[in-house]
C-alpha atoms as a PDB file:
ATOM      1  CA  MET A   1      72.948 111.123 114.405  1.00  0.00           C
ATOM      2  CA  LEU A   2      75.936 109.028 113.399  1.00  0.00           C
ATOM      3  CA  LYS A   3      79.189 110.754 112.482  1.00  0.00           C
ATOM      4  CA  LEU A   4      81.839 109.107 110.327  1.00  0.00           C
ATOM      5  CA  TYR A   5      85.406 110.366 110.347  1.00  0.00           C
ATOM      6  CA  TYR A   6      87.239 109.513 107.146  1.00  0.00           C
ATOM      7  CA  GLY A   7      90.243 110.377 105.013  1.00  0.00           C
ATOM      8  CA  LEU A   8      91.079 110.242 101.332  1.00  0.00           C
ATOM      9  CA  GLY A   9      92.543 106.978 100.081  1.00  0.00           C
ATOM     10  CA  THR A  10      91.680 105.038 103.223  1.00  0.00           C
ATOM     11  CA  CYS A  11      89.575 102.024 104.120  1.00  0.00           C
ATOM     12  CA  ALA A  12      86.995 104.436 105.556  1.00  0.00           C
ATOM     13  CA  LEU A  13      85.476 104.375 102.085  1.00  0.00           C
ATOM     14  CA  ALA A  14      83.927 100.967 102.828  1.00  0.00           C
ATOM     15  CA  SER A  15      82.106 102.220 105.921  1.00  0.00           C
ATOM     16  CA  HIS A  16      81.057 105.389 104.128  1.00  0.00           C
ATOM     17  CA  ILE A  17      79.444 103.423 101.309  1.00  0.00           C
ATOM     18  CA  ALA A  18      77.742 101.077 103.769  1.00  0.00           C
ATOM     19  CA  LEU A  19      76.259 104.027 105.644  1.00  0.00           C
ATOM     20  CA  GLU A  20      74.905 105.461 102.423  1.00  0.00           C
ATOM     21  CA  GLU A  21      73.500 102.102 101.344  1.00  0.00           C
ATOM     22  CA  SER A  22      71.847 101.597 104.746  1.00  0.00           C
ATOM     23  CA  GLY A  23      69.762 104.763 104.588  1.00  0.00           C
ATOM     24  CA  ALA A  24      71.252 105.945 107.891  1.00  0.00           C
ATOM     25  CA  ASP A  25      70.991 109.525 109.062  1.00  0.00           C
ATOM     26  CA  TYR A  26      74.663 110.471 109.293  1.00  0.00           C
ATOM     27  CA  VAL A  27      77.257 113.142 108.691  1.00  0.00           C
ATOM     28  CA  ALA A  28      80.814 112.632 107.483  1.00  0.00           C
ATOM     29  CA  GLU A  29      83.875 114.646 108.412  1.00  0.00           C
ATOM     30  CA  ARG A  30      86.997 114.425 106.304  1.00  0.00           C
ATOM     31  CA  LEU A  31      90.316 114.573 108.140  1.00  0.00           C
ATOM     32  CA  ASP A  32      93.324 116.122 106.424  1.00  0.00           C
ATOM     33  CA  LEU A  33      95.726 113.219 106.749  1.00  0.00           C
ATOM     34  CA  LYS A  34      98.537 115.057 104.965  1.00  0.00           C
ATOM     35  CA  ALA A  35      98.341 117.705 107.683  1.00  0.00           C
ATOM     36  CA  ASN A  36      98.395 114.928 110.331  1.00  0.00           C
ATOM     37  CA  GLN A  37      94.951 115.891 111.581  1.00  0.00           C
ATOM     38  CA  GLN A  38      94.420 112.278 112.640  1.00  0.00           C
ATOM     39  CA  ASN A  39      96.944 112.880 115.424  1.00  0.00           C
ATOM     40  CA  SER A  40      95.528 116.194 116.566  1.00  0.00           C
ATOM     41  CA  PRO A  41      94.346 116.400 120.190  1.00  0.00           C
ATOM     42  CA  ASP A  42      90.750 116.861 119.052  1.00  0.00           C
ATOM     43  CA  TYR A  43      90.724 113.705 116.952  1.00  0.00           C
ATOM     44  CA  LEU A  44      92.733 111.632 119.403  1.00  0.00           C
ATOM     45  CA  ALA A  45      89.965 112.375 121.888  1.00  0.00           C
ATOM     46  CA  VAL A  46      87.637 110.639 119.397  1.00  0.00           C
ATOM     47  CA  ASN A  47      89.967 107.803 118.401  1.00  0.00           C
ATOM     48  CA  PRO A  48      93.165 107.387 120.434  1.00  0.00           C
ATOM     49  CA  LYS A  49      94.518 105.108 117.680  1.00  0.00           C
ATOM     50  CA  GLY A  50      94.899 108.144 115.433  1.00  0.00           C
ATOM     51  CA  ARG A  51      93.422 106.376 112.434  1.00  0.00           C
ATOM     52  CA  VAL A  52      90.278 106.351 110.339  1.00  0.00           C
ATOM     53  CA  PRO A  53      87.545 105.321 110.119  1.00  0.00           C
ATOM     54  CA  ALA A  54      85.859 106.118 113.387  1.00  0.00           C
ATOM     55  CA  LEU A  55      82.103 106.118 113.786  1.00  0.00           C
ATOM     56  CA  ALA A  56      80.619 108.204 116.581  1.00  0.00           C
ATOM     57  CA  THR A  57      77.302 106.852 117.858  1.00  0.00           C
ATOM     58  CA  ASP A  58      75.006 107.833 120.712  1.00  0.00           C
ATOM     59  CA  LYS A  59      76.659 105.103 122.810  1.00  0.00           C
ATOM     60  CA  GLY A  60      80.263 105.909 121.961  1.00  0.00           C
ATOM     61  CA  VAL A  61      82.832 105.559 119.210  1.00  0.00           C
ATOM     62  CA  ILE A  62      83.409 102.429 117.122  1.00  0.00           C
ATOM     63  CA  THR A  63      86.704 101.857 115.319  1.00  0.00           C
ATOM     64  CA  GLU A  64      88.025  99.202 112.903  1.00  0.00           C
ATOM     65  CA  THR A  65      86.306  98.676 109.584  1.00  0.00           C
ATOM     66  CA  PRO A  66      84.858  95.172 110.160  1.00  0.00           C
ATOM     67  CA  ALA A  67      83.273  96.313 113.430  1.00  0.00           C
ATOM     68  CA  ILE A  68      81.838  99.463 111.881  1.00  0.00           C
ATOM     69  CA  LEU A  69      80.444  97.535 108.926  1.00  0.00           C
ATOM     70  CA  MET A  70      78.751  95.014 111.199  1.00  0.00           C
ATOM     71  CA  TYR A  71      77.340  97.768 113.399  1.00  0.00           C
ATOM     72  CA  ILE A  72      75.797  99.412 110.342  1.00  0.00           C
ATOM     73  CA  ALA A  73      74.310  96.138 109.121  1.00  0.00           C
ATOM     74  CA  GLN A  74      72.834  95.328 112.526  1.00  0.00           C
ATOM     75  CA  SER A  75      71.534  98.849 113.149  1.00  0.00           C
ATOM     76  CA  PHE A  76      69.715  99.073 109.825  1.00  0.00           C
ATOM     77  CA  PRO A  77      68.366  95.559 109.198  1.00  0.00           C
ATOM     78  CA  LYS A  78      65.894  96.703 106.558  1.00  0.00           C
ATOM     79  CA  ALA A  79      68.852  97.384 104.248  1.00  0.00           C
ATOM     80  CA  LYS A  80      69.723  93.661 104.415  1.00  0.00           C
ATOM     81  CA  LEU A  81      73.477  94.227 104.378  1.00  0.00           C
ATOM     82  CA  ALA A  82      74.355  90.995 106.232  1.00  0.00           C
ATOM     83  CA  PRO A  83      72.964  87.433 106.184  1.00  0.00           C
ATOM     84  CA  PHE A  84      71.783  87.348 109.800  1.00  0.00           C
ATOM     85  CA  ASP A  85      69.273  84.559 109.122  1.00  0.00           C
ATOM     86  CA  ASP A  86      72.027  81.963 108.520  1.00  0.00           C
ATOM     87  CA  PRO A  87      74.793  81.691 111.161  1.00  0.00           C
ATOM     88  CA  PHE A  88      77.181  79.914 108.778  1.00  0.00           C
ATOM     89  CA  THR A  89      76.800  82.431 105.965  1.00  0.00           C
ATOM     90  CA  PHE A  90      77.024  85.239 108.498  1.00  0.00           C
ATOM     91  CA  ALA A  91      80.318  83.811 109.749  1.00  0.00           C
ATOM     92  CA  GLN A  92      81.590  83.557 106.171  1.00  0.00           C
ATOM     93  CA  ALA A  93      80.836  87.243 105.635  1.00  0.00           C
ATOM     94  CA  GLU A  94      82.748  88.047 108.800  1.00  0.00           C
ATOM     95  CA  SER A  95      85.582  85.793 107.627  1.00  0.00           C
ATOM     96  CA  PHE A  96      85.798  87.640 104.318  1.00  0.00           C
ATOM     97  CA  ASN A  97      85.939  91.069 105.949  1.00  0.00           C
ATOM     98  CA  SER A  98      88.478  89.842 108.489  1.00  0.00           C
ATOM     99  CA  TYR A  99      90.692  88.628 105.653  1.00  0.00           C
ATOM    100  CA  ILE A 100      90.501  91.999 103.913  1.00  0.00           C
ATOM    101  CA  CYS A 101      91.400  93.728 107.178  1.00  0.00           C
ATOM    102  CA  SER A 102      94.176  91.479 108.450  1.00  0.00           C
ATOM    103  CA  GLY A 103      95.492  90.175 105.137  1.00  0.00           C
ATOM    104  CA  MET A 104      94.975  92.434 102.144  1.00  0.00           C
ATOM    105  CA  HIS A 105      95.114  95.741 103.995  1.00  0.00           C
ATOM    106  CA  ILE A 106      98.289  94.822 105.854  1.00  0.00           C
ATOM    107  CA  ALA A 107      99.946  93.641 102.639  1.00  0.00           C
ATOM    108  CA  HIS A 108      99.022  96.957 101.019  1.00  0.00           C
ATOM    109  CA  ALA A 109     100.343  98.961 103.977  1.00  0.00           C
ATOM    110  CA  HIS A 110     103.795  97.381 103.634  1.00  0.00           C
ATOM    111  CA  ARG A 111     104.302  99.554 100.549  1.00  0.00           C
ATOM    112  CA  MET A 112     104.298 102.885 102.415  1.00  0.00           C
ATOM    113  CA  ARG A 113     104.112 102.203 106.143  1.00  0.00           C
ATOM    114  CA  GLY A 114     107.045  99.885 106.692  1.00  0.00           C
ATOM    115  CA  ARG A 115     108.102 101.774 109.819  1.00  0.00           C
ATOM    116  CA  ARG A 116     105.252 100.078 111.643  1.00  0.00           C
ATOM    117  CA  TRP A 117     107.134  96.772 111.362  1.00  0.00           C
ATOM    118  CA  ALA A 118     110.833  97.559 110.918  1.00  0.00           C
ATOM    119  CA  SER A 119     113.525 100.203 111.409  1.00  0.00           C
ATOM    120  CA  GLU A 120     116.123  99.546 108.705  1.00  0.00           C
ATOM    121  CA  GLU A 121     115.778 101.251 105.326  1.00  0.00           C
ATOM    122  CA  SER A 122     116.724  98.007 103.584  1.00  0.00           C
ATOM    123  CA  SER A 123     113.750  96.332 105.260  1.00  0.00           C
ATOM    124  CA  PHE A 124     111.365  98.947 103.846  1.00  0.00           C
ATOM    125  CA  GLU A 125     112.564  98.320 100.306  1.00  0.00           C
ATOM    126  CA  ASP A 126     112.219  94.579 100.741  1.00  0.00           C
ATOM    127  CA  MET A 127     108.650  95.059 101.972  1.00  0.00           C
ATOM    128  CA  ARG A 128     107.807  97.233  98.982  1.00  0.00           C
ATOM    129  CA  ARG A 129     109.158  94.651  96.532  1.00  0.00           C
ATOM    130  CA  LYS A 130     106.958  91.985  98.089  1.00  0.00           C
ATOM    131  CA  VAL A 131     103.704  93.993  97.901  1.00  0.00           C
ATOM    132  CA  PRO A 132     102.636  93.166  94.302  1.00  0.00           C
ATOM    133  CA  GLU A 133     103.183  89.444  94.888  1.00  0.00           C
ATOM    134  CA  ASN A 134     101.190  89.440  98.115  1.00  0.00           C
ATOM    135  CA  ILE A 135      98.357  91.550  96.726  1.00  0.00           C
ATOM    136  CA  ARG A 136      98.098  89.371  93.629  1.00  0.00           C
ATOM    137  CA  ALA A 137      97.974  86.256  95.801  1.00  0.00           C
ATOM    138  CA  GLY A 138      95.188  87.817  97.864  1.00  0.00           C
ATOM    139  CA  PHE A 139      93.110  88.726  94.842  1.00  0.00           C
ATOM    140  CA  ASP A 140      93.667  85.270  93.373  1.00  0.00           C
ATOM    141  CA  LEU A 141      92.309  83.713  96.568  1.00  0.00           C
ATOM    142  CA  ILE A 142      89.289  86.027  96.516  1.00  0.00           C
ATOM    143  CA  GLU A 143      88.685  85.367  92.826  1.00  0.00           C
ATOM    144  CA  THR A 144      88.932  81.584  92.964  1.00  0.00           C
ATOM    145  CA  LYS A 145      87.885  80.587  96.484  1.00  0.00           C
ATOM    146  CA  MET A 146      86.112  83.328  98.399  1.00  0.00           C
ATOM    147  CA  MET A 147      83.900  85.356  96.072  1.00  0.00           C
ATOM    148  CA  ARG A 148      80.642  83.650  95.184  1.00  0.00           C
ATOM    149  CA  GLY A 149      79.433  86.150  92.557  1.00  0.00           C
ATOM    150  CA  PRO A 150      77.949  88.299  91.341  1.00  0.00           C
ATOM    151  CA  TRP A 151      78.424  89.870  94.789  1.00  0.00           C
ATOM    152  CA  VAL A 152      80.884  88.610  97.353  1.00  0.00           C
ATOM    153  CA  MET A 153      78.274  86.556  99.207  1.00  0.00           C
ATOM    154  CA  GLY A 154      76.344  85.534  96.101  1.00  0.00           C
ATOM    155  CA  GLU A 155      73.125  87.087  94.830  1.00  0.00           C
ATOM    156  CA  ALA A 156      72.700  89.442  97.786  1.00  0.00           C
ATOM    157  CA  TYR A 157      74.686  92.658  98.155  1.00  0.00           C
ATOM    158  CA  SER A 158      76.302  92.914 101.600  1.00  0.00           C
ATOM    159  CA  ILE A 159      78.825  94.793 103.725  1.00  0.00           C
ATOM    160  CA  CYS A 160      81.526  92.668 102.106  1.00  0.00           C
ATOM    161  CA  ASP A 161      81.051  94.437  98.788  1.00  0.00           C
ATOM    162  CA  PRO A 162      82.146  97.972  99.689  1.00  0.00           C
ATOM    163  CA  TYR A 163      85.173  96.508 101.454  1.00  0.00           C
ATOM    164  CA  LEU A 164      86.253  94.552  98.366  1.00  0.00           C
ATOM    165  CA  PHE A 165      85.589  97.639  96.228  1.00  0.00           C
ATOM    166  CA  THR A 166      87.847  99.697  98.469  1.00  0.00           C
ATOM    167  CA  ILE A 167      90.872  97.419  98.271  1.00  0.00           C
ATOM    168  CA  ALA A 168      90.327  96.821  94.553  1.00  0.00           C
ATOM    169  CA  GLY A 169      90.641 100.571  94.171  1.00  0.00           C
ATOM    170  CA  TRP A 170      94.125 100.375  95.692  1.00  0.00           C
ATOM    171  CA  ALA A 171      95.336  97.629  93.344  1.00  0.00           C
ATOM    172  CA  LYS A 172      96.858  99.915  90.709  1.00  0.00           C
ATOM    173  CA  SER A 173      98.982 101.702  93.310  1.00  0.00           C
ATOM    174  CA  ASP A 174     100.221  98.269  94.372  1.00  0.00           C
ATOM    175  CA  SER A 175     101.244  97.457  90.776  1.00  0.00           C
ATOM    176  CA  VAL A 176      98.412  94.978  90.313  1.00  0.00           C
ATOM    177  CA  ASP A 177      95.891  95.039  87.463  1.00  0.00           C
ATOM    178  CA  ILE A 178      92.485  93.829  88.618  1.00  0.00           C
ATOM    179  CA  ALA A 179      91.686  93.037  84.984  1.00  0.00           C
ATOM    180  CA  ASP A 180      93.699  89.885  85.658  1.00  0.00           C
ATOM    181  CA  PHE A 181      90.872  88.856  88.011  1.00  0.00           C
ATOM    182  CA  PRO A 182      87.653  88.940  85.948  1.00  0.00           C
ATOM    183  CA  LYS A 183      85.196  88.474  88.832  1.00  0.00           C
ATOM    184  CA  VAL A 184      86.862  91.159  90.922  1.00  0.00           C
ATOM    185  CA  ALA A 185      87.069  93.518  87.949  1.00  0.00           C
ATOM    186  CA  ASP A 186      83.407  93.008  87.089  1.00  0.00           C
ATOM    187  CA  HIS A 187      82.469  93.561  90.715  1.00  0.00           C
ATOM    188  CA  TYR A 188      84.430  96.818  90.768  1.00  0.00           C
ATOM    189  CA  ARG A 189      82.687  98.026  87.619  1.00  0.00           C
ATOM    190  CA  ARG A 190      79.229  97.235  88.955  1.00  0.00           C
ATOM    191  CA  MET A 191      79.974  98.852  92.290  1.00  0.00           C
ATOM    192  CA  LYS A 192      80.811 102.116  90.516  1.00  0.00           C
ATOM    193  CA  GLU A 193      77.362 102.037  88.925  1.00  0.00           C
ATOM    194  CA  ARG A 194      75.527 102.019  92.258  1.00  0.00           C
ATOM    195  CA  PRO A 195      74.008 105.414  93.149  1.00  0.00           C
ATOM    196  CA  ALA A 196      75.195 105.208  96.765  1.00  0.00           C
ATOM    197  CA  VAL A 197      78.758 104.559  95.637  1.00  0.00           C
ATOM    198  CA  GLN A 198      78.670 107.431  93.173  1.00  0.00           C
ATOM    199  CA  LYS A 199      77.358 109.777  95.854  1.00  0.00           C
ATOM    200  CA  VAL A 200      80.095 108.825  98.275  1.00  0.00           C
ATOM    201  CA  LEU A 201      82.907 108.914  95.713  1.00  0.00           C
ATOM    202  CA  ALA A 202      81.980 112.488  94.893  1.00  0.00           C
ATOM    203  CA  GLN A 203      83.136 113.374  98.412  1.00  0.00           C
ATOM    204  CA  TYR A 204      86.529 111.698  97.931  1.00  0.00           C
ATOM    205  CA  LYS A 205      87.841 113.996  95.264  1.00  0.00           C
ATOM    206  CA  ALA A 206      90.940 115.831  96.450  1.00  0.00           C
END
């Protein structure tokens, strides 16, 4: 059985939704991030990076959201969560998720995790000021160039959709209103209507 380690307010939500959508037999364990459980000896034995998500499989542990999402899609092909029949479209899906991971998520993290990149307090404040601009630019790119609609990859729901939903859920904390991006806002609304999403979100209440 698969085991997902997750925390509130993290990108683990995307993998959690994908697992639920896939029909996988899995369990989920919430880490208390405020209590620094992610850096406990027990969890570091699972994921030495001290971060979530981590997905324990019968072959070992997978970390990093894009990798976990692709593993889920490949392991449960009947759920049709990735366009494996078309190499170009498949690469575009991977490109989208890579952008969320390396672009949008990093821009978001500059608001509260500046110590990963700098040491001076003045640098942290400068990073925080830049966050809304960078997040807005990212959503504008997704809205106008990357999202096909009605789902990220077009008519078919995929592993890109829970990832977009996750970062759209962070927008307000980054001082960005997704209502300014109609396609993203509509996507977020429709995601919240999906039974799998509702089931998972019920587990993310503090």
